[in-house]
Amino acid sequence: MAKPHEEFTRRTGHRFNLIVKSLPLDEASAIPMDVLLDKLKKLGYKEGLDQLAVDVGALIKRGELSFSIVAGRAVYWALVKGLLETRKRSALIKLHNMDLTEEDLRVLEGLAQKSRLRRNE
């Protein structure tokens, strides 16, 4: 059975957060995937290059990362949306691990409802 920390590091949201936080915020400083993997390994990313490619592809589709081709190699950087989504995922992970009261849940449900209504305007 996996230790709690090992289980946590395998979660998609946590992996996505590590990736976004490890990338530069501008195209001029973009880095290739192998450099990104080296940075991530130092932070506890347990996956290999194949899984990183899947994760990066998902983040690009979600509009959180971008890439360009420089000297025949893809290089990557984080977008503003990626930073916002990282903050949201971090908050949700913290909420998931908290003991919430009924009143806390009502407040959260109210926030979610307001957000849904704003999107439908």
PDB file of N, CA and C in Angstrom:
ATOM      1  N   MET A   1       0.844  -1.194   0.000  1.00  0.00           N
ATOM      2  CA  MET A   1       0.000   0.000   0.000  1.00  0.00           C
ATOM      3  C   MET A   1       0.882   1.248   0.000  1.00  0.00           C
ATOM      4  N   ALA A   2       0.496   2.260  -0.788  1.00  0.00           N
ATOM      5  CA  ALA A   2       1.277   3.479  -0.895  1.00  0.00           C
ATOM      6  C   ALA A   2       1.179   4.300   0.390  1.00  0.00           C
ATOM      7  N   LYS A   3       2.273   4.953   0.734  1.00  0.00           N
ATOM      8  CA  LYS A   3       2.259   5.872   1.863  1.00  0.00           C
ATOM      9  C   LYS A   3       1.418   7.085   1.470  1.00  0.00           C
ATOM     10  N   PRO A   4       0.803   7.761   2.443  1.00  0.00           N
ATOM     11  CA  PRO A   4      -0.053   8.903   2.103  1.00  0.00           C
ATOM     12  C   PRO A   4       0.649   9.934   1.221  1.00  0.00           C
ATOM     13  N   HIS A   5       1.919  10.242   1.507  1.00  0.00           N
ATOM     14  CA  HIS A   5       2.628  11.245   0.706  1.00  0.00           C
ATOM     15  C   HIS A   5       2.812  10.739  -0.723  1.00  0.00           C
ATOM     16  N   GLU A   6       3.122   9.464  -0.887  1.00  0.00           N
ATOM     17  CA  GLU A   6       3.297   8.914  -2.227  1.00  0.00           C
ATOM     18  C   GLU A   6       1.989   8.975  -3.006  1.00  0.00           C
ATOM     19  N   GLU A   7       0.894   8.669  -2.350  1.00  0.00           N
ATOM     20  CA  GLU A   7      -0.410   8.750  -3.002  1.00  0.00           C
ATOM     21  C   GLU A   7      -0.689  10.181  -3.430  1.00  0.00           C
ATOM     22  N   PHE A   8      -0.363  11.138  -2.568  1.00  0.00           N
ATOM     23  CA  PHE A   8      -0.606  12.550  -2.857  1.00  0.00           C
ATOM     24  C   PHE A   8       0.186  12.986  -4.084  1.00  0.00           C
ATOM     25  N   THR A   9       1.440  12.553  -4.197  1.00  0.00           N
ATOM     26  CA  THR A   9       2.268  12.994  -5.313  1.00  0.00           C
ATOM     27  C   THR A   9       1.830  12.380  -6.627  1.00  0.00           C
ATOM     28  N   ARG A  10       1.043  11.318  -6.589  1.00  0.00           N
ATOM     29  CA  ARG A  10       0.570  10.700  -7.826  1.00  0.00           C
ATOM     30  C   ARG A  10      -0.714  11.345  -8.334  1.00  0.00           C
ATOM     31  N   ARG A  11      -1.367  12.141  -7.545  1.00  0.00           N
ATOM     32  CA  ARG A  11      -2.629  12.753  -7.958  1.00  0.00           C
ATOM     33  C   ARG A  11      -2.396  13.732  -9.096  1.00  0.00           C
ATOM     34  N   THR A  12      -3.286  13.709 -10.047  1.00  0.00           N
ATOM     35  CA  THR A  12      -3.153  14.551 -11.233  1.00  0.00           C
ATOM     36  C   THR A  12      -3.039  16.025 -10.879  1.00  0.00           C
ATOM     37  N   GLY A  13      -3.904  16.516 -10.011  1.00  0.00           N
ATOM     38  CA  GLY A  13      -3.873  17.936  -9.654  1.00  0.00           C
ATOM     39  C   GLY A  13      -2.541  18.356  -9.085  1.00  0.00           C
ATOM     40  N   HIS A  14      -1.987  17.524  -8.235  1.00  0.00           N
ATOM     41  CA  HIS A  14      -0.691  17.849  -7.653  1.00  0.00           C
ATOM     42  C   HIS A  14       0.400  17.841  -8.726  1.00  0.00           C
ATOM     43  N   ARG A  15       0.362  16.849  -9.603  1.00  0.00           N
ATOM     44  CA  ARG A  15       1.343  16.795 -10.700  1.00  0.00           C
ATOM     45  C   ARG A  15       1.214  18.032 -11.583  1.00  0.00           C
ATOM     46  N   PHE A  16      -0.017  18.400 -11.927  1.00  0.00           N
ATOM     47  CA  PHE A  16      -0.230  19.579 -12.755  1.00  0.00           C
ATOM     48  C   PHE A  16       0.334  20.821 -12.079  1.00  0.00           C
ATOM     49  N   ASN A  17       0.104  20.953 -10.783  1.00  0.00           N
ATOM     50  CA  ASN A  17       0.609  22.120 -10.056  1.00  0.00           C
ATOM     51  C   ASN A  17       2.129  22.167 -10.085  1.00  0.00           C
ATOM     52  N   LEU A  18       2.776  21.029  -9.873  1.00  0.00           N
ATOM     53  CA  LEU A  18       4.242  20.997  -9.925  1.00  0.00           C
ATOM     54  C   LEU A  18       4.750  21.433 -11.293  1.00  0.00           C
ATOM     55  N   ILE A  19       4.102  20.952 -12.338  1.00  0.00           N
ATOM     56  CA  ILE A  19       4.525  21.290 -13.700  1.00  0.00           C
ATOM     57  C   ILE A  19       4.390  22.790 -13.947  1.00  0.00           C
ATOM     58  N   VAL A  20       3.220  23.341 -13.668  1.00  0.00           N
ATOM     59  CA  VAL A  20       2.993  24.766 -13.921  1.00  0.00           C
ATOM     60  C   VAL A  20       3.970  25.618 -13.115  1.00  0.00           C
ATOM     61  N   LYS A  21       4.158  25.283 -11.853  1.00  0.00           N
ATOM     62  CA  LYS A  21       5.065  26.069 -11.004  1.00  0.00           C
ATOM     63  C   LYS A  21       6.526  25.948 -11.426  1.00  0.00           C
ATOM     64  N   SER A  22       6.872  24.893 -12.138  1.00  0.00           N
ATOM     65  CA  SER A  22       8.259  24.671 -12.545  1.00  0.00           C
ATOM     66  C   SER A  22       8.611  25.329 -13.877  1.00  0.00           C
ATOM     67  N   LEU A  23       7.626  25.835 -14.559  1.00  0.00           N
ATOM     68  CA  LEU A  23       7.878  26.448 -15.861  1.00  0.00           C
ATOM     69  C   LEU A  23       8.015  27.959 -15.747  1.00  0.00           C
ATOM     70  N   PRO A  24       8.820  28.547 -16.630  1.00  0.00           N
ATOM     71  CA  PRO A  24       8.904  30.016 -16.663  1.00  0.00           C
ATOM     72  C   PRO A  24       7.584  30.602 -17.159  1.00  0.00           C
ATOM     73  N   LEU A  25       7.417  31.886 -16.954  1.00  0.00           N
ATOM     74  CA  LEU A  25       6.163  32.550 -17.296  1.00  0.00           C
ATOM     75  C   LEU A  25       6.221  33.316 -18.617  1.00  0.00           C
ATOM     76  N   ASP A  26       7.294  33.147 -19.366  1.00  0.00           N
ATOM     77  CA  ASP A  26       7.376  33.849 -20.641  1.00  0.00           C
ATOM     78  C   ASP A  26       8.080  32.975 -21.677  1.00  0.00           C
ATOM     79  N   GLU A  27       7.726  33.204 -22.910  1.00  0.00           N
ATOM     80  CA  GLU A  27       8.256  32.400 -24.010  1.00  0.00           C
ATOM     81  C   GLU A  27       9.769  32.529 -24.135  1.00  0.00           C
ATOM     82  N   ALA A  28      10.314  33.693 -23.834  1.00  0.00           N
ATOM     83  CA  ALA A  28      11.751  33.908 -23.971  1.00  0.00           C
ATOM     84  C   ALA A  28      12.563  33.004 -23.038  1.00  0.00           C
ATOM     85  N   SER A  29      11.952  32.561 -21.949  1.00  0.00           N
ATOM     86  CA  SER A  29      12.645  31.707 -20.975  1.00  0.00           C
ATOM     87  C   SER A  29      12.180  30.252 -21.044  1.00  0.00           C
ATOM     88  N   ALA A  30      11.396  29.907 -22.049  1.00  0.00           N
ATOM     89  CA  ALA A  30      10.811  28.565 -22.161  1.00  0.00           C
ATOM     90  C   ALA A  30      11.889  27.478 -22.114  1.00  0.00           C
ATOM     91  N   ILE A  31      11.507  26.306 -21.581  1.00  0.00           N
ATOM     92  CA  ILE A  31      12.459  25.205 -21.425  1.00  0.00           C
ATOM     93  C   ILE A  31      11.935  23.935 -22.107  1.00  0.00           C
ATOM     94  N   PRO A  32      12.855  23.076 -22.563  1.00  0.00           N
ATOM     95  CA  PRO A  32      12.435  21.810 -23.167  1.00  0.00           C
ATOM     96  C   PRO A  32      11.970  20.810 -22.106  1.00  0.00           C
ATOM     97  N   MET A  33      11.295  19.773 -22.545  1.00  0.00           N
ATOM     98  CA  MET A  33      10.688  18.810 -21.633  1.00  0.00           C
ATOM     99  C   MET A  33      11.719  18.076 -20.774  1.00  0.00           C
ATOM    100  N   ASP A  34      12.885  17.749 -21.324  1.00  0.00           N
ATOM    101  CA  ASP A  34      13.878  17.034 -20.515  1.00  0.00           C
ATOM    102  C   ASP A  34      14.390  17.898 -19.365  1.00  0.00           C
ATOM    103  N   VAL A  35      14.539  19.187 -19.604  1.00  0.00           N
ATOM    104  CA  VAL A  35      14.952  20.104 -18.534  1.00  0.00           C
ATOM    105  C   VAL A  35      13.834  20.214 -17.499  1.00  0.00           C
ATOM    106  N   LEU A  36      12.601  20.296 -17.972  1.00  0.00           N
ATOM    107  CA  LEU A  36      11.453  20.334 -17.065  1.00  0.00           C
ATOM    108  C   LEU A  36      11.409  19.079 -16.203  1.00  0.00           C
ATOM    109  N   LEU A  37      11.609  17.912 -16.808  1.00  0.00           N
ATOM    110  CA  LEU A  37      11.592  16.661 -16.045  1.00  0.00           C
ATOM    111  C   LEU A  37      12.670  16.665 -14.966  1.00  0.00           C
ATOM    112  N   ASP A  38      13.862  17.143 -15.284  1.00  0.00           N
ATOM    113  CA  ASP A  38      14.933  17.214 -14.275  1.00  0.00           C
ATOM    114  C   ASP A  38      14.514  18.106 -13.104  1.00  0.00           C
ATOM    115  N   LYS A  39      13.915  19.261 -13.401  1.00  0.00           N
ATOM    116  CA  LYS A  39      13.442  20.158 -12.334  1.00  0.00           C
ATOM    117  C   LYS A  39      12.375  19.477 -11.484  1.00  0.00           C
ATOM    118  N   LEU A  40      11.450  18.796 -12.152  1.00  0.00           N
ATOM    119  CA  LEU A  40      10.348  18.149 -11.446  1.00  0.00           C
ATOM    120  C   LEU A  40      10.829  17.012 -10.554  1.00  0.00           C
ATOM    121  N   LYS A  41      11.790  16.244 -11.018  1.00  0.00           N
ATOM    122  CA  LYS A  41      12.320  15.118 -10.221  1.00  0.00           C
ATOM    123  C   LYS A  41      12.870  15.633  -8.896  1.00  0.00           C
ATOM    124  N   LYS A  42      13.512  16.800  -8.928  1.00  0.00           N
ATOM    125  CA  LYS A  42      14.062  17.392  -7.708  1.00  0.00           C
ATOM    126  C   LYS A  42      12.960  17.802  -6.732  1.00  0.00           C
ATOM    127  N   LEU A  43      11.745  18.014  -7.259  1.00  0.00           N
ATOM    128  CA  LEU A  43      10.605  18.421  -6.425  1.00  0.00           C
ATOM    129  C   LEU A  43       9.720  17.258  -6.009  1.00  0.00           C
ATOM    130  N   GLY A  44      10.085  16.042  -6.440  1.00  0.00           N
ATOM    131  CA  GLY A  44       9.313  14.882  -6.023  1.00  0.00           C
ATOM    132  C   GLY A  44       8.386  14.304  -7.076  1.00  0.00           C
ATOM    133  N   TYR A  45       8.464  14.779  -8.311  1.00  0.00           N
ATOM    134  CA  TYR A  45       7.652  14.222  -9.388  1.00  0.00           C
ATOM    135  C   TYR A  45       8.127  12.797  -9.618  1.00  0.00           C
ATOM    136  N   LYS A  46       7.216  11.843  -9.487  1.00  0.00           N
ATOM    137  CA  LYS A  46       7.582  10.424  -9.531  1.00  0.00           C
ATOM    138  C   LYS A  46       7.462   9.801 -10.916  1.00  0.00           C
ATOM    139  N   GLU A  47       6.857  10.516 -11.846  1.00  0.00           N
ATOM    140  CA  GLU A  47       6.582   9.949 -13.162  1.00  0.00           C
ATOM    141  C   GLU A  47       7.779  10.128 -14.100  1.00  0.00           C
ATOM    142  N   GLY A  48       7.715   9.451 -15.231  1.00  0.00           N
ATOM    143  CA  GLY A  48       8.763   9.539 -16.234  1.00  0.00           C
ATOM    144  C   GLY A  48       8.383  10.464 -17.374  1.00  0.00           C
ATOM    145  N   LEU A  49       9.188  10.429 -18.414  1.00  0.00           N
ATOM    146  CA  LEU A  49       9.000  11.318 -19.554  1.00  0.00           C
ATOM    147  C   LEU A  49       7.677  11.064 -20.278  1.00  0.00           C
ATOM    148  N   ASP A  50       7.266   9.810 -20.381  1.00  0.00           N
ATOM    149  CA  ASP A  50       6.004   9.503 -21.061  1.00  0.00           C
ATOM    150  C   ASP A  50       4.811  10.133 -20.347  1.00  0.00           C
ATOM    151  N   GLN A  51       4.741   9.983 -19.021  1.00  0.00           N
ATOM    152  CA  GLN A  51       3.639  10.579 -18.265  1.00  0.00           C
ATOM    153  C   GLN A  51       3.723  12.093 -18.288  1.00  0.00           C
ATOM    154  N   LEU A  52       4.928  12.639 -18.238  1.00  0.00           N
ATOM    155  CA  LEU A  52       5.084  14.092 -18.310  1.00  0.00           C
ATOM    156  C   LEU A  52       4.542  14.606 -19.639  1.00  0.00           C
ATOM    157  N   ALA A  53       4.814  13.890 -20.719  1.00  0.00           N
ATOM    158  CA  ALA A  53       4.295  14.306 -22.025  1.00  0.00           C
ATOM    159  C   ALA A  53       2.763  14.315 -22.018  1.00  0.00           C
ATOM    160  N   VAL A  54       2.155  13.322 -21.397  1.00  0.00           N
ATOM    161  CA  VAL A  54       0.694  13.271 -21.288  1.00  0.00           C
ATOM    162  C   VAL A  54       0.190  14.445 -20.451  1.00  0.00           C
ATOM    163  N   ASP A  55       0.832  14.690 -19.312  1.00  0.00           N
ATOM    164  CA  ASP A  55       0.419  15.786 -18.424  1.00  0.00           C
ATOM    165  C   ASP A  55       0.569  17.137 -19.123  1.00  0.00           C
ATOM    166  N   VAL A  56       1.701  17.352 -19.778  1.00  0.00           N
ATOM    167  CA  VAL A  56       1.936  18.618 -20.483  1.00  0.00           C
ATOM    168  C   VAL A  56       0.908  18.788 -21.606  1.00  0.00           C
ATOM    169  N   GLY A  57       0.632  17.715 -22.338  1.00  0.00           N
ATOM    170  CA  GLY A  57      -0.375  17.783 -23.398  1.00  0.00           C
ATOM    171  C   GLY A  57      -1.738  18.183 -22.858  1.00  0.00           C
ATOM    172  N   ALA A  58      -2.119  17.619 -21.723  1.00  0.00           N
ATOM    173  CA  ALA A  58      -3.402  17.965 -21.105  1.00  0.00           C
ATOM    174  C   ALA A  58      -3.419  19.432 -20.689  1.00  0.00           C
ATOM    175  N   LEU A  59      -2.317  19.916 -20.120  1.00  0.00           N
ATOM    176  CA  LEU A  59      -2.249  21.311 -19.681  1.00  0.00           C
ATOM    177  C   LEU A  59      -2.279  22.268 -20.870  1.00  0.00           C
ATOM    178  N   ILE A  60      -1.693  21.881 -21.987  1.00  0.00           N
ATOM    179  CA  ILE A  60      -1.757  22.708 -23.198  1.00  0.00           C
ATOM    180  C   ILE A  60      -3.199  22.766 -23.695  1.00  0.00           C
ATOM    181  N   LYS A  61      -3.885  21.626 -23.743  1.00  0.00           N
ATOM    182  CA  LYS A  61      -5.291  21.596 -24.187  1.00  0.00           C
ATOM    183  C   LYS A  61      -6.172  22.444 -23.284  1.00  0.00           C
ATOM    184  N   ARG A  62      -5.843  22.497 -21.998  1.00  0.00           N
ATOM    185  CA  ARG A  62      -6.631  23.285 -21.034  1.00  0.00           C
ATOM    186  C   ARG A  62      -6.274  24.763 -21.078  1.00  0.00           C
ATOM    187  N   GLY A  63      -5.275  25.140 -21.876  1.00  0.00           N
ATOM    188  CA  GLY A  63      -4.871  26.539 -21.990  1.00  0.00           C
ATOM    189  C   GLY A  63      -4.022  27.028 -20.841  1.00  0.00           C
ATOM    190  N   GLU A  64      -3.375  26.109 -20.118  1.00  0.00           N
ATOM    191  CA  GLU A  64      -2.560  26.488 -18.968  1.00  0.00           C
ATOM    192  C   GLU A  64      -1.079  26.629 -19.319  1.00  0.00           C
ATOM    193  N   LEU A  65      -0.657  25.968 -20.382  1.00  0.00           N
ATOM    194  CA  LEU A  65       0.723  26.039 -20.859  1.00  0.00           C
ATOM    195  C   LEU A  65       0.703  26.347 -22.341  1.00  0.00           C
ATOM    196  N   SER A  66       1.845  26.807 -22.826  1.00  0.00           N
ATOM    197  CA  SER A  66       2.014  26.965 -24.259  1.00  0.00           C
ATOM    198  C   SER A  66       3.390  26.446 -24.633  1.00  0.00           C
ATOM    199  N   PHE A  67       3.623  26.349 -25.931  1.00  0.00           N
ATOM    200  CA  PHE A  67       4.908  25.866 -26.411  1.00  0.00           C
ATOM    201  C   PHE A  67       5.219  26.479 -27.768  1.00  0.00           C
ATOM    202  N   SER A  68       6.480  26.414 -28.114  1.00  0.00           N
ATOM    203  CA  SER A  68       6.917  26.765 -29.458  1.00  0.00           C
ATOM    204  C   SER A  68       8.072  25.832 -29.798  1.00  0.00           C
ATOM    205  N   ILE A  69       8.463  25.854 -31.047  1.00  0.00           N
ATOM    206  CA  ILE A  69       9.569  25.027 -31.501  1.00  0.00           C
ATOM    207  C   ILE A  69      10.772  25.939 -31.695  1.00  0.00           C
ATOM    208  N   VAL A  70      11.850  25.626 -30.992  1.00  0.00           N
ATOM    209  CA  VAL A  70      13.087  26.393 -31.086  1.00  0.00           C
ATOM    210  C   VAL A  70      14.202  25.414 -31.439  1.00  0.00           C
ATOM    211  N   ALA A  71      14.868  25.658 -32.531  1.00  0.00           N
ATOM    212  CA  ALA A  71      15.970  24.790 -32.992  1.00  0.00           C
ATOM    213  C   ALA A  71      15.521  23.324 -33.057  1.00  0.00           C
ATOM    214  N   GLY A  72      14.294  23.111 -33.531  1.00  0.00           N
ATOM    215  CA  GLY A  72      13.787  21.750 -33.698  1.00  0.00           C
ATOM    216  C   GLY A  72      13.298  21.068 -32.429  1.00  0.00           C
ATOM    217  N   ARG A  73      13.285  21.770 -31.306  1.00  0.00           N
ATOM    218  CA  ARG A  73      12.817  21.207 -30.031  1.00  0.00           C
ATOM    219  C   ARG A  73      11.660  22.025 -29.496  1.00  0.00           C
ATOM    220  N   ALA A  74      10.697  21.327 -28.928  1.00  0.00           N
ATOM    221  CA  ALA A  74       9.588  22.024 -28.274  1.00  0.00           C
ATOM    222  C   ALA A  74      10.069  22.572 -26.936  1.00  0.00           C
ATOM    223  N   VAL A  75       9.700  23.802 -26.673  1.00  0.00           N
ATOM    224  CA  VAL A  75       9.985  24.423 -25.377  1.00  0.00           C
ATOM    225  C   VAL A  75       8.666  24.931 -24.809  1.00  0.00           C
ATOM    226  N   TYR A  76       8.574  24.952 -23.485  1.00  0.00           N
ATOM    227  CA  TYR A  76       7.305  25.184 -22.804  1.00  0.00           C
ATOM    228  C   TYR A  76       7.411  26.314 -21.788  1.00  0.00           C
ATOM    229  N   TRP A  77       6.259  26.971 -21.579  1.00  0.00           N
ATOM    230  CA  TRP A  77       6.150  27.982 -20.531  1.00  0.00           C
ATOM    231  C   TRP A  77       4.723  28.000 -20.014  1.00  0.00           C
ATOM    232  N   ALA A  78       4.549  28.536 -18.814  1.00  0.00           N
ATOM    233  CA  ALA A  78       3.229  28.613 -18.175  1.00  0.00           C
ATOM    234  C   ALA A  78       2.515  29.887 -18.614  1.00  0.00           C
ATOM    235  N   LEU A  79       1.205  29.792 -18.687  1.00  0.00           N
ATOM    236  CA  LEU A  79       0.365  30.943 -19.013  1.00  0.00           C
ATOM    237  C   LEU A  79      -0.339  31.443 -17.746  1.00  0.00           C
ATOM    238  N   VAL A  80      -0.871  32.653 -17.807  1.00  0.00           N
ATOM    239  CA  VAL A  80      -1.574  33.233 -16.661  1.00  0.00           C
ATOM    240  C   VAL A  80      -2.704  32.306 -16.209  1.00  0.00           C
ATOM    241  N   LYS A  81      -3.433  31.713 -17.161  1.00  0.00           N
ATOM    242  CA  LYS A  81      -4.507  30.798 -16.796  1.00  0.00           C
ATOM    243  C   LYS A  81      -3.959  29.615 -15.994  1.00  0.00           C
ATOM    244  N   GLY A  82      -2.770  29.153 -16.333  1.00  0.00           N
ATOM    245  CA  GLY A  82      -2.165  28.049 -15.593  1.00  0.00           C
ATOM    246  C   GLY A  82      -1.908  28.414 -14.140  1.00  0.00           C
ATOM    247  N   LEU A  83      -1.470  29.636 -13.914  1.00  0.00           N
ATOM    248  CA  LEU A  83      -1.237  30.092 -12.539  1.00  0.00           C
ATOM    249  C   LEU A  83      -2.548  30.157 -11.759  1.00  0.00           C
ATOM    250  N   LEU A  84      -3.603  30.666 -12.398  1.00  0.00           N
ATOM    251  CA  LEU A  84      -4.906  30.729 -11.747  1.00  0.00           C
ATOM    252  C   LEU A  84      -5.432  29.328 -11.438  1.00  0.00           C
ATOM    253  N   GLU A  85      -5.350  28.424 -12.411  1.00  0.00           N
ATOM    254  CA  GLU A  85      -5.836  27.063 -12.203  1.00  0.00           C
ATOM    255  C   GLU A  85      -5.012  26.338 -11.136  1.00  0.00           C
ATOM    256  N   THR A  86      -3.727  26.618 -11.058  1.00  0.00           N
ATOM    257  CA  THR A  86      -2.878  26.033 -10.014  1.00  0.00           C
ATOM    258  C   THR A  86      -3.349  26.487  -8.638  1.00  0.00           C
ATOM    259  N   ARG A  87      -3.654  27.770  -8.512  1.00  0.00           N
ATOM    260  CA  ARG A  87      -4.170  28.272  -7.237  1.00  0.00           C
ATOM    261  C   ARG A  87      -5.494  27.616  -6.888  1.00  0.00           C
ATOM    262  N   LYS A  88      -6.372  27.447  -7.885  1.00  0.00           N
ATOM    263  CA  LYS A  88      -7.667  26.803  -7.630  1.00  0.00           C
ATOM    264  C   LYS A  88      -7.473  25.350  -7.206  1.00  0.00           C
ATOM    265  N   ARG A  89      -6.597  24.615  -7.921  1.00  0.00           N
ATOM    266  CA  ARG A  89      -6.358  23.216  -7.544  1.00  0.00           C
ATOM    267  C   ARG A  89      -5.773  23.115  -6.145  1.00  0.00           C
ATOM    268  N   SER A  90      -4.850  24.010  -5.812  1.00  0.00           N
ATOM    269  CA  SER A  90      -4.250  23.995  -4.470  1.00  0.00           C
ATOM    270  C   SER A  90      -5.310  24.232  -3.405  1.00  0.00           C
ATOM    271  N   ALA A  91      -6.186  25.192  -3.660  1.00  0.00           N
ATOM    272  CA  ALA A  91      -7.252  25.484  -2.695  1.00  0.00           C
ATOM    273  C   ALA A  91      -8.189  24.286  -2.550  1.00  0.00           C
ATOM    274  N   LEU A  92      -8.525  23.654  -3.650  1.00  0.00           N
ATOM    275  CA  LEU A  92      -9.422  22.494  -3.585  1.00  0.00           C
ATOM    276  C   LEU A  92      -8.780  21.316  -2.860  1.00  0.00           C
ATOM    277  N   ILE A  93      -7.484  21.115  -3.073  1.00  0.00           N
ATOM    278  CA  ILE A  93      -6.779  20.039  -2.367  1.00  0.00           C
ATOM    279  C   ILE A  93      -6.804  20.322  -0.866  1.00  0.00           C
ATOM    280  N   LYS A  94      -6.562  21.571  -0.489  1.00  0.00           N
ATOM    281  CA  LYS A  94      -6.603  21.932   0.930  1.00  0.00           C
ATOM    282  C   LYS A  94      -8.000  21.736   1.507  1.00  0.00           C
ATOM    283  N   LEU A  95      -9.014  22.164   0.753  1.00  0.00           N
ATOM    284  CA  LEU A  95     -10.392  21.978   1.212  1.00  0.00           C
ATOM    285  C   LEU A  95     -10.728  20.503   1.394  1.00  0.00           C
ATOM    286  N   HIS A  96     -10.281  19.695   0.469  1.00  0.00           N
ATOM    287  CA  HIS A  96     -10.561  18.255   0.529  1.00  0.00           C
ATOM    288  C   HIS A  96     -10.002  17.630   1.810  1.00  0.00           C
ATOM    289  N   ASN A  97      -8.890  18.173   2.285  1.00  0.00           N
ATOM    290  CA  ASN A  97      -8.226  17.612   3.460  1.00  0.00           C
ATOM    291  C   ASN A  97      -8.649  18.273   4.770  1.00  0.00           C
ATOM    292  N   MET A  98      -9.561  19.231   4.709  1.00  0.00           N
ATOM    293  CA  MET A  98     -10.004  19.941   5.914  1.00  0.00           C
ATOM    294  C   MET A  98     -11.249  19.295   6.506  1.00  0.00           C
ATOM    295  N   ASP A  99     -11.423  19.528   7.788  1.00  0.00           N
ATOM    296  CA  ASP A  99     -12.678  19.177   8.448  1.00  0.00           C
ATOM    297  C   ASP A  99     -13.585  20.395   8.332  1.00  0.00           C
ATOM    298  N   LEU A 100     -14.632  20.269   7.541  1.00  0.00           N
ATOM    299  CA  LEU A 100     -15.537  21.386   7.308  1.00  0.00           C
ATOM    300  C   LEU A 100     -16.830  21.194   8.082  1.00  0.00           C
ATOM    301  N   THR A 101     -17.374  22.304   8.536  1.00  0.00           N
ATOM    302  CA  THR A 101     -18.661  22.271   9.212  1.00  0.00           C
ATOM    303  C   THR A 101     -19.777  22.387   8.167  1.00  0.00           C
ATOM    304  N   GLU A 102     -20.982  22.174   8.606  1.00  0.00           N
ATOM    305  CA  GLU A 102     -22.141  22.342   7.723  1.00  0.00           C
ATOM    306  C   GLU A 102     -22.201  23.774   7.206  1.00  0.00           C
ATOM    307  N   GLU A 103     -21.908  24.734   8.052  1.00  0.00           N
ATOM    308  CA  GLU A 103     -21.919  26.146   7.639  1.00  0.00           C
ATOM    309  C   GLU A 103     -20.822  26.401   6.593  1.00  0.00           C
ATOM    310  N   ASP A 104     -19.635  25.838   6.793  1.00  0.00           N
ATOM    311  CA  ASP A 104     -18.560  25.974   5.795  1.00  0.00           C
ATOM    312  C   ASP A 104     -19.027  25.467   4.437  1.00  0.00           C
ATOM    313  N   LEU A 105     -19.692  24.320   4.437  1.00  0.00           N
ATOM    314  CA  LEU A 105     -20.172  23.743   3.184  1.00  0.00           C
ATOM    315  C   LEU A 105     -21.233  24.625   2.530  1.00  0.00           C
ATOM    316  N   ARG A 106     -22.108  25.215   3.318  1.00  0.00           N
ATOM    317  CA  ARG A 106     -23.120  26.108   2.759  1.00  0.00           C
ATOM    318  C   ARG A 106     -22.461  27.307   2.088  1.00  0.00           C
ATOM    319  N   VAL A 107     -21.426  27.864   2.718  1.00  0.00           N
ATOM    320  CA  VAL A 107     -20.709  29.004   2.134  1.00  0.00           C
ATOM    321  C   VAL A 107     -20.051  28.592   0.816  1.00  0.00           C
ATOM    322  N   LEU A 108     -19.409  27.444   0.813  1.00  0.00           N
ATOM    323  CA  LEU A 108     -18.758  26.961  -0.414  1.00  0.00           C
ATOM    324  C   LEU A 108     -19.774  26.703  -1.526  1.00  0.00           C
ATOM    325  N   GLU A 109     -20.885  26.103  -1.168  1.00  0.00           N
ATOM    326  CA  GLU A 109     -21.930  25.861  -2.156  1.00  0.00           C
ATOM    327  C   GLU A 109     -22.472  27.176  -2.705  1.00  0.00           C
ATOM    328  N   GLY A 110     -22.576  28.190  -1.861  1.00  0.00           N
ATOM    329  CA  GLY A 110     -23.015  29.510  -2.307  1.00  0.00           C
ATOM    330  C   GLY A 110     -22.028  30.132  -3.283  1.00  0.00           C
ATOM    331  N   LEU A 111     -20.743  29.997  -2.989  1.00  0.00           N
ATOM    332  CA  LEU A 111     -19.716  30.503  -3.902  1.00  0.00           C
ATOM    333  C   LEU A 111     -19.795  29.801  -5.255  1.00  0.00           C
ATOM    334  N   ALA A 112     -19.959  28.501  -5.223  1.00  0.00           N
ATOM    335  CA  ALA A 112     -20.053  27.736  -6.466  1.00  0.00           C
ATOM    336  C   ALA A 112     -21.282  28.166  -7.260  1.00  0.00           C
ATOM    337  N   GLN A 113     -22.387  28.386  -6.585  1.00  0.00           N
ATOM    338  CA  GLN A 113     -23.614  28.813  -7.254  1.00  0.00           C
ATOM    339  C   GLN A 113     -23.432  30.182  -7.895  1.00  0.00           C
ATOM    340  N   LYS A 114     -22.819  31.129  -7.168  1.00  0.00           N
ATOM    341  CA  LYS A 114     -22.573  32.469  -7.717  1.00  0.00           C
ATOM    342  C   LYS A 114     -21.686  32.391  -8.942  1.00  0.00           C
ATOM    343  N   SER A 115     -20.654  31.556  -8.876  1.00  0.00           N
ATOM    344  CA  SER A 115     -19.740  31.412 -10.005  1.00  0.00           C
ATOM    345  C   SER A 115     -20.471  30.860 -11.221  1.00  0.00           C
ATOM    346  N   ARG A 116     -21.325  29.856 -11.004  1.00  0.00           N
ATOM    347  CA  ARG A 116     -22.081  29.254 -12.094  1.00  0.00           C
ATOM    348  C   ARG A 116     -23.028  30.270 -12.716  1.00  0.00           C
ATOM    349  N   LEU A 117     -23.656  31.084 -11.884  1.00  0.00           N
ATOM    350  CA  LEU A 117     -24.585  32.100 -12.389  1.00  0.00           C
ATOM    351  C   LEU A 117     -23.850  33.157 -13.199  1.00  0.00           C
ATOM    352  N   ARG A 118     -22.653  33.555 -12.750  1.00  0.00           N
ATOM    353  CA  ARG A 118     -21.867  34.565 -13.499  1.00  0.00           C
ATOM    354  C   ARG A 118     -21.482  34.026 -14.870  1.00  0.00           C
ATOM    355  N   ARG A 119     -21.125  32.752 -14.945  1.00  0.00           N
ATOM    356  CA  ARG A 119     -20.740  32.164 -16.238  1.00  0.00           C
ATOM    357  C   ARG A 119     -21.907  32.102 -17.194  1.00  0.00           C
ATOM    358  N   ASN A 120     -23.129  31.995 -16.682  1.00  0.00           N
ATOM    359  CA  ASN A 120     -24.322  31.886 -17.530  1.00  0.00           C
ATOM    360  C   ASN A 120     -24.908  33.234 -17.931  1.00  0.00           C
ATOM    361  N   GLU A 121     -24.327  34.313 -17.436  1.00  0.00           N
ATOM    362  CA  GLU A 121     -24.859  35.657 -17.776  1.00  0.00           C
ATOM    363  C   GLU A 121     -24.515  36.034 -19.195  1.00  0.00           C
TER     364      GLU A 121
END
